[in-house]
N, C-alpha and C. Protein backbone atom coordinates (compact mmCIF):
# COMPACT_ATOMS: atom_id res chain seq x y z
N MET A 1 32.13 90.28 177.45
CA MET A 1 30.68 90.14 177.70
C MET A 1 29.95 90.88 176.65
N PHE A 2 30.20 91.99 176.07
CA PHE A 2 29.62 92.50 174.90
C PHE A 2 30.68 92.99 173.89
N LYS A 3 30.14 93.22 172.68
CA LYS A 3 30.89 93.66 171.51
C LYS A 3 30.48 95.00 171.05
N LYS A 4 31.31 95.97 170.87
CA LYS A 4 30.82 97.20 170.32
C LYS A 4 31.10 97.13 168.76
N LEU A 5 29.98 97.61 168.05
CA LEU A 5 29.98 97.69 166.63
C LEU A 5 29.83 99.20 166.22
N GLY A 6 30.67 99.73 165.67
CA GLY A 6 30.63 101.23 165.10
C GLY A 6 30.48 101.90 166.40
N TRP A 7 29.86 103.16 166.36
CA TRP A 7 29.71 104.20 167.33
C TRP A 7 28.66 103.90 168.20
N SER A 8 27.60 103.25 167.99
CA SER A 8 26.45 103.12 168.89
C SER A 8 25.81 101.88 169.11
N ILE A 9 26.38 100.71 168.72
CA ILE A 9 25.78 99.48 168.87
C ILE A 9 26.53 98.49 169.79
N LEU A 10 25.96 97.81 170.57
CA LEU A 10 26.54 96.86 171.36
C LEU A 10 25.81 95.59 171.26
N PHE A 11 26.42 94.44 171.11
CA PHE A 11 25.83 93.09 171.11
C PHE A 11 25.85 92.65 172.61
N LEU A 12 24.86 92.24 173.15
CA LEU A 12 24.73 91.55 174.58
C LEU A 12 24.34 90.18 174.29
N PRO A 13 24.79 89.29 175.09
CA PRO A 13 24.12 87.83 175.20
C PRO A 13 22.69 88.07 175.52
N LEU A 14 21.78 87.20 175.06
CA LEU A 14 20.34 87.27 175.31
C LEU A 14 19.97 87.36 176.75
N LEU A 15 20.63 86.69 177.50
CA LEU A 15 20.22 86.63 178.98
C LEU A 15 20.76 87.71 179.80
N ALA A 16 21.49 88.62 179.28
CA ALA A 16 22.15 89.75 179.98
C ALA A 16 21.22 90.61 180.51
N ILE A 17 20.15 90.93 179.78
CA ILE A 17 19.15 91.95 180.31
C ILE A 17 17.60 91.17 180.42
N PRO A 18 17.17 90.84 181.68
CA PRO A 18 15.97 90.05 181.70
C PRO A 18 14.86 91.11 181.50
N LEU A 19 14.13 90.96 180.51
CA LEU A 19 13.01 91.92 180.17
C LEU A 19 11.63 91.47 180.49
N PHE A 20 11.70 90.08 180.82
CA PHE A 20 10.34 89.44 181.12
C PHE A 20 10.50 88.49 182.40
N THR A 21 9.38 88.40 183.03
CA THR A 21 9.39 87.44 184.08
C THR A 21 9.39 86.04 183.65
N MET A 22 9.64 85.09 184.48
CA MET A 22 9.66 83.65 184.12
C MET A 22 8.54 83.23 183.33
N ASP A 23 7.29 83.69 183.63
CA ASP A 23 6.15 83.14 182.93
C ASP A 23 5.95 83.79 181.56
N ARG A 24 6.81 84.52 181.19
CA ARG A 24 6.98 85.21 179.65
C ARG A 24 5.92 86.31 179.66
N ARG A 25 5.26 86.80 180.72
CA ARG A 25 4.36 87.85 180.61
C ARG A 25 5.23 89.23 180.63
N LEU A 26 4.75 90.29 180.00
CA LEU A 26 5.34 91.59 180.08
C LEU A 26 5.43 92.02 181.50
N ASP A 27 6.59 92.48 181.86
CA ASP A 27 6.94 93.04 183.23
C ASP A 27 5.88 94.16 183.42
N PRO A 28 5.27 94.34 184.65
CA PRO A 28 4.23 95.40 184.80
C PRO A 28 4.87 96.86 184.79
N ASN A 29 6.22 96.87 184.89
CA ASN A 29 6.87 98.14 184.81
C ASN A 29 7.38 98.61 183.44
N ILE A 30 6.96 97.86 182.50
CA ILE A 30 7.21 98.14 180.99
C ILE A 30 5.87 98.74 180.48
N VAL A 31 6.03 99.98 179.90
CA VAL A 31 4.96 100.64 179.25
C VAL A 31 4.80 100.05 177.74
N ASN A 32 3.75 99.41 177.50
CA ASN A 32 3.47 98.76 176.21
C ASN A 32 2.89 99.68 175.29
N LEU A 33 3.78 100.19 174.30
CA LEU A 33 3.31 101.07 173.27
C LEU A 33 3.25 100.44 171.85
N SER A 34 3.34 99.20 171.74
CA SER A 34 3.24 98.31 170.71
C SER A 34 1.85 98.58 169.84
N GLY A 35 1.88 98.75 168.65
CA GLY A 35 0.64 99.21 167.93
C GLY A 35 0.11 100.59 168.06
N MET A 36 0.81 101.38 168.89
CA MET A 36 0.16 102.76 169.21
C MET A 36 1.14 103.83 168.57
N LEU A 37 2.22 103.56 168.04
CA LEU A 37 3.13 104.58 167.50
C LEU A 37 2.89 104.62 166.04
N PRO A 38 3.22 105.73 165.44
CA PRO A 38 3.05 105.94 164.00
C PRO A 38 3.75 104.87 163.21
N THR A 39 2.93 104.43 162.07
CA THR A 39 3.67 103.57 161.16
C THR A 39 3.38 104.13 159.71
N LYS A 40 4.18 103.44 158.77
CA LYS A 40 3.96 103.90 157.36
C LYS A 40 2.78 103.37 156.82
N PHE A 41 1.86 104.13 156.11
CA PHE A 41 0.63 103.52 155.63
C PHE A 41 0.83 102.44 154.63
N GLY A 42 0.13 101.31 154.80
CA GLY A 42 0.23 100.15 153.98
C GLY A 42 1.60 99.31 154.08
N GLU A 43 2.32 99.59 154.94
CA GLU A 43 3.64 98.79 155.14
C GLU A 43 3.61 98.18 156.73
N GLN A 44 4.14 96.99 156.78
CA GLN A 44 4.43 96.40 158.10
C GLN A 44 5.57 95.51 158.10
N TYR A 45 6.06 95.49 159.21
CA TYR A 45 7.29 94.50 159.46
C TYR A 45 6.89 92.96 159.41
N SER A 46 7.72 92.15 159.16
CA SER A 46 7.55 90.66 159.16
C SER A 46 7.65 90.26 160.48
N ARG A 47 7.30 89.01 160.63
CA ARG A 47 7.12 88.24 162.02
C ARG A 47 8.21 87.09 161.95
N ARG A 48 8.51 86.66 163.15
CA ARG A 48 9.57 85.56 163.25
C ARG A 48 9.02 84.65 164.55
N GLN A 49 9.66 83.47 164.68
CA GLN A 49 9.47 82.85 165.80
C GLN A 49 10.30 83.39 166.95
N LEU A 50 9.94 83.49 168.24
CA LEU A 50 10.82 83.89 169.26
C LEU A 50 12.07 82.97 169.40
N ALA A 51 11.98 81.90 169.06
CA ALA A 51 13.12 81.04 169.30
C ALA A 51 14.36 81.44 168.42
N GLU A 52 14.04 82.24 167.40
CA GLU A 52 15.03 82.73 166.52
C GLU A 52 16.00 83.87 167.00
N ILE A 53 15.40 84.37 168.09
CA ILE A 53 16.11 85.49 168.78
C ILE A 53 17.35 84.95 169.69
N ASP A 54 18.54 85.46 169.31
CA ASP A 54 19.65 85.04 170.09
C ASP A 54 20.58 86.19 170.66
N LYS A 55 20.09 87.26 170.51
CA LYS A 55 20.88 88.50 171.03
C LYS A 55 19.96 89.65 171.21
N ILE A 56 20.50 90.60 172.10
CA ILE A 56 20.09 92.04 172.20
C ILE A 56 21.00 92.93 171.81
N ILE A 57 20.43 93.85 170.97
CA ILE A 57 21.37 94.84 170.43
C ILE A 57 21.06 96.34 171.06
N VAL A 58 22.02 96.86 171.72
CA VAL A 58 21.67 98.11 172.34
C VAL A 58 22.27 99.36 171.64
N HIS A 59 21.41 100.20 171.26
CA HIS A 59 21.70 101.40 170.60
C HIS A 59 21.52 102.67 171.59
N HIS A 60 22.08 103.81 171.21
CA HIS A 60 21.67 105.14 171.94
C HIS A 60 20.91 105.89 170.84
N SER A 61 20.19 106.87 171.29
CA SER A 61 19.45 107.70 170.32
C SER A 61 20.18 108.71 169.67
N ALA A 62 21.51 108.99 170.13
CA ALA A 62 22.25 110.10 169.59
C ALA A 62 21.59 111.35 169.60
N THR A 63 20.76 111.68 170.63
CA THR A 63 19.92 112.86 170.81
C THR A 63 20.09 113.16 172.39
N THR A 64 19.91 114.43 172.69
CA THR A 64 19.96 114.80 174.11
C THR A 64 18.57 114.52 174.68
N ASP A 65 17.52 114.43 173.87
CA ASP A 65 16.16 113.96 174.47
C ASP A 65 15.56 113.47 173.26
N GLY A 66 14.31 113.02 173.63
CA GLY A 66 13.49 112.41 172.60
C GLY A 66 12.43 111.25 173.03
N THR A 67 11.46 111.07 172.33
CA THR A 67 10.47 110.07 172.70
C THR A 67 10.34 108.89 171.85
N PRO A 68 9.85 107.73 172.14
CA PRO A 68 9.43 106.77 171.21
C PRO A 68 8.70 107.25 169.97
N TYR A 69 7.74 108.05 170.09
CA TYR A 69 6.93 108.64 169.07
C TYR A 69 7.86 109.46 168.11
N ALA A 70 8.78 110.33 168.55
CA ALA A 70 9.77 111.01 167.71
C ALA A 70 10.51 110.02 166.96
N TYR A 71 11.06 108.86 167.59
CA TYR A 71 12.08 108.02 166.91
C TYR A 71 11.26 107.31 165.96
N ALA A 72 9.93 106.94 166.05
CA ALA A 72 9.10 106.32 165.08
C ALA A 72 8.99 107.27 163.96
N LEU A 73 8.62 108.44 163.98
CA LEU A 73 8.52 109.48 162.94
C LEU A 73 9.87 109.47 162.08
N TYR A 74 10.95 109.64 162.83
CA TYR A 74 12.25 109.69 162.20
C TYR A 74 12.39 108.50 161.36
N HIS A 75 12.18 107.26 162.06
CA HIS A 75 12.38 105.95 161.26
C HIS A 75 11.61 105.83 159.89
N ILE A 76 10.37 106.41 159.98
CA ILE A 76 9.57 106.38 158.83
C ILE A 76 9.85 107.43 157.89
N ASN A 77 10.02 108.63 158.30
CA ASN A 77 10.29 109.79 157.24
C ASN A 77 11.59 109.83 156.74
N GLU A 78 12.69 109.48 157.71
CA GLU A 78 14.02 109.71 157.14
C GLU A 78 14.53 108.39 156.62
N ASN A 79 14.27 107.20 157.22
CA ASN A 79 14.76 106.00 156.80
C ASN A 79 13.81 105.08 155.79
N GLY A 80 12.53 105.48 155.79
CA GLY A 80 11.68 104.94 154.90
C GLY A 80 11.25 103.39 155.51
N TRP A 81 11.30 103.27 156.79
CA TRP A 81 10.98 102.00 157.51
C TRP A 81 9.46 101.92 157.68
N PRO A 82 8.85 100.87 157.92
CA PRO A 82 7.43 100.52 158.27
C PRO A 82 7.11 101.23 159.58
N GLY A 83 8.06 101.32 160.44
CA GLY A 83 7.72 102.04 161.73
C GLY A 83 9.02 102.01 162.53
N ILE A 84 8.97 102.33 163.91
CA ILE A 84 10.12 102.33 164.71
C ILE A 84 10.95 101.07 164.59
N GLY A 85 12.19 101.31 164.67
CA GLY A 85 13.06 100.14 164.43
C GLY A 85 13.46 99.40 165.77
N TYR A 86 12.99 99.83 166.95
CA TYR A 86 13.47 99.24 168.07
C TYR A 86 12.33 98.46 168.71
N HIS A 87 12.65 97.57 169.52
CA HIS A 87 11.66 96.78 170.30
C HIS A 87 11.32 97.41 171.59
N PHE A 88 12.40 98.04 172.13
CA PHE A 88 12.16 98.70 173.34
C PHE A 88 13.03 100.01 173.39
N VAL A 89 12.44 101.00 174.05
CA VAL A 89 13.15 102.34 174.23
C VAL A 89 13.19 102.66 175.79
N ILE A 90 14.37 103.05 176.31
CA ILE A 90 14.51 103.28 177.68
C ILE A 90 14.75 104.88 177.65
N ASP A 91 13.83 105.44 178.28
CA ASP A 91 13.94 106.86 178.45
C ASP A 91 15.00 107.44 179.50
N LEU A 92 15.33 108.56 179.43
CA LEU A 92 16.33 109.15 180.28
C LEU A 92 15.96 108.91 181.75
N ASP A 93 14.66 108.91 182.10
CA ASP A 93 14.26 108.63 183.47
C ASP A 93 14.12 107.19 183.93
N GLY A 94 14.52 106.25 182.98
CA GLY A 94 14.62 104.91 183.23
C GLY A 94 13.25 104.16 182.82
N THR A 95 12.22 104.89 182.35
CA THR A 95 11.01 104.19 181.87
C THR A 95 11.38 103.38 180.67
N ILE A 96 10.92 102.09 180.78
CA ILE A 96 11.04 101.01 179.66
C ILE A 96 9.84 101.07 178.87
N ASN A 97 10.02 101.27 177.71
CA ASN A 97 8.68 101.48 176.74
C ASN A 97 8.93 100.16 175.70
N GLN A 98 7.95 99.30 175.61
CA GLN A 98 8.08 98.29 174.52
C GLN A 98 7.33 98.93 173.33
N THR A 99 8.09 99.06 172.17
CA THR A 99 7.66 99.77 171.00
C THR A 99 7.26 98.77 169.88
N ASN A 100 7.72 97.57 169.88
CA ASN A 100 7.42 96.53 168.91
C ASN A 100 7.15 95.20 169.72
N SER A 101 6.53 94.43 169.10
CA SER A 101 6.19 92.89 169.68
C SER A 101 7.60 92.28 169.37
N ARG A 102 8.01 91.40 170.34
CA ARG A 102 9.24 90.63 170.35
C ARG A 102 9.36 89.94 169.02
N ASP A 103 8.18 89.44 168.47
CA ASP A 103 8.23 88.62 167.23
C ASP A 103 8.32 89.43 165.97
N THR A 104 8.54 90.75 166.11
CA THR A 104 8.51 91.70 164.97
C THR A 104 9.99 91.66 164.37
N ILE A 105 10.10 91.56 163.20
CA ILE A 105 11.65 91.66 162.55
C ILE A 105 11.70 93.16 162.10
N SER A 106 12.14 93.93 163.09
CA SER A 106 12.04 95.50 162.76
C SER A 106 13.49 95.76 162.15
N CYS A 107 13.75 97.07 161.79
CA CYS A 107 15.00 97.50 161.20
C CYS A 107 15.81 98.35 162.39
N HIS A 108 16.83 97.65 162.84
CA HIS A 108 17.67 98.43 163.71
C HIS A 108 19.12 98.14 163.43
N THR A 109 19.44 96.95 163.02
CA THR A 109 20.92 96.58 162.67
C THR A 109 20.84 95.74 161.55
N SER A 110 21.55 96.23 160.47
CA SER A 110 21.64 95.54 159.29
C SER A 110 22.17 94.11 159.40
N GLY A 111 21.55 93.15 158.88
CA GLY A 111 22.07 91.84 158.95
C GLY A 111 21.72 91.05 160.18
N GLN A 112 21.18 91.77 161.18
CA GLN A 112 21.11 91.11 162.49
C GLN A 112 19.44 91.28 162.95
N ASN A 113 18.73 91.89 162.25
CA ASN A 113 17.26 91.97 162.58
C ASN A 113 16.45 90.89 162.78
N ARG A 114 16.69 89.81 161.99
CA ARG A 114 15.84 88.63 162.25
C ARG A 114 16.15 87.86 163.65
N VAL A 115 17.49 87.93 164.10
CA VAL A 115 17.95 87.23 165.14
C VAL A 115 18.11 88.14 166.43
N SER A 116 17.59 89.37 166.42
CA SER A 116 17.83 90.23 167.65
C SER A 116 16.59 91.10 168.11
N LEU A 117 16.77 91.53 169.21
CA LEU A 117 15.77 92.55 169.82
C LEU A 117 16.65 93.81 169.73
N GLY A 118 15.96 94.89 169.31
CA GLY A 118 16.74 96.14 169.42
C GLY A 118 16.29 96.97 170.64
N VAL A 119 17.18 97.47 171.31
CA VAL A 119 16.86 98.22 172.51
C VAL A 119 17.56 99.73 172.46
N CYS A 120 16.87 100.68 172.58
CA CYS A 120 17.43 102.11 172.33
C CYS A 120 17.51 102.64 173.60
N LEU A 121 18.61 103.11 174.10
CA LEU A 121 18.78 104.04 175.29
C LEU A 121 18.77 105.39 174.97
N ALA A 122 17.78 106.28 175.45
CA ALA A 122 17.72 107.66 175.03
C ALA A 122 19.09 108.45 175.70
N GLY A 123 19.61 109.24 174.79
CA GLY A 123 20.74 110.03 174.99
C GLY A 123 21.84 109.79 174.07
N ASP A 124 22.79 110.84 174.01
CA ASP A 124 23.96 110.92 173.14
C ASP A 124 25.07 110.49 173.91
N PHE A 125 25.55 109.23 173.84
CA PHE A 125 26.68 108.63 174.78
C PHE A 125 27.99 109.05 174.08
N ASP A 126 27.98 109.79 172.80
CA ASP A 126 29.37 110.36 172.55
C ASP A 126 29.48 111.70 173.19
N LYS A 127 28.58 112.18 173.75
CA LYS A 127 28.72 113.64 174.45
C LYS A 127 28.18 113.46 175.88
N GLN A 128 27.64 112.49 176.45
CA GLN A 128 27.33 112.39 177.76
C GLN A 128 27.35 110.87 178.24
N GLN A 129 27.65 110.68 179.59
CA GLN A 129 27.65 109.32 180.20
C GLN A 129 26.38 108.75 180.42
N PRO A 130 26.35 107.39 179.95
CA PRO A 130 24.85 106.80 180.07
C PRO A 130 24.52 106.68 181.60
């Protein structure tokens, strides 16, 4: 069903996690933070056609806590990326945050960014159960 790559990445078939209702509108239970998180001045991610997406890649934050805001700052300051690398962040309490538009080609998995959505689950799953 899914394939583990390295320590923290899972490839899931695209239909394994329904993030959107059938009419393609954002689910009302998803907090939309797109465009509200820190970004690197003068830089932005490229865009793609939604039809190019064929997988969801699930990461864990490798932290015991954290927020989409903190992850965005880390990605900008430590990795030099234009903004947060994930499309969605799921908090420890289960809150789903959309952090990038689905058509954004963000940085989350080398060689897979154009064709995937990046989802980050808060927590360090090397130390605790998801």
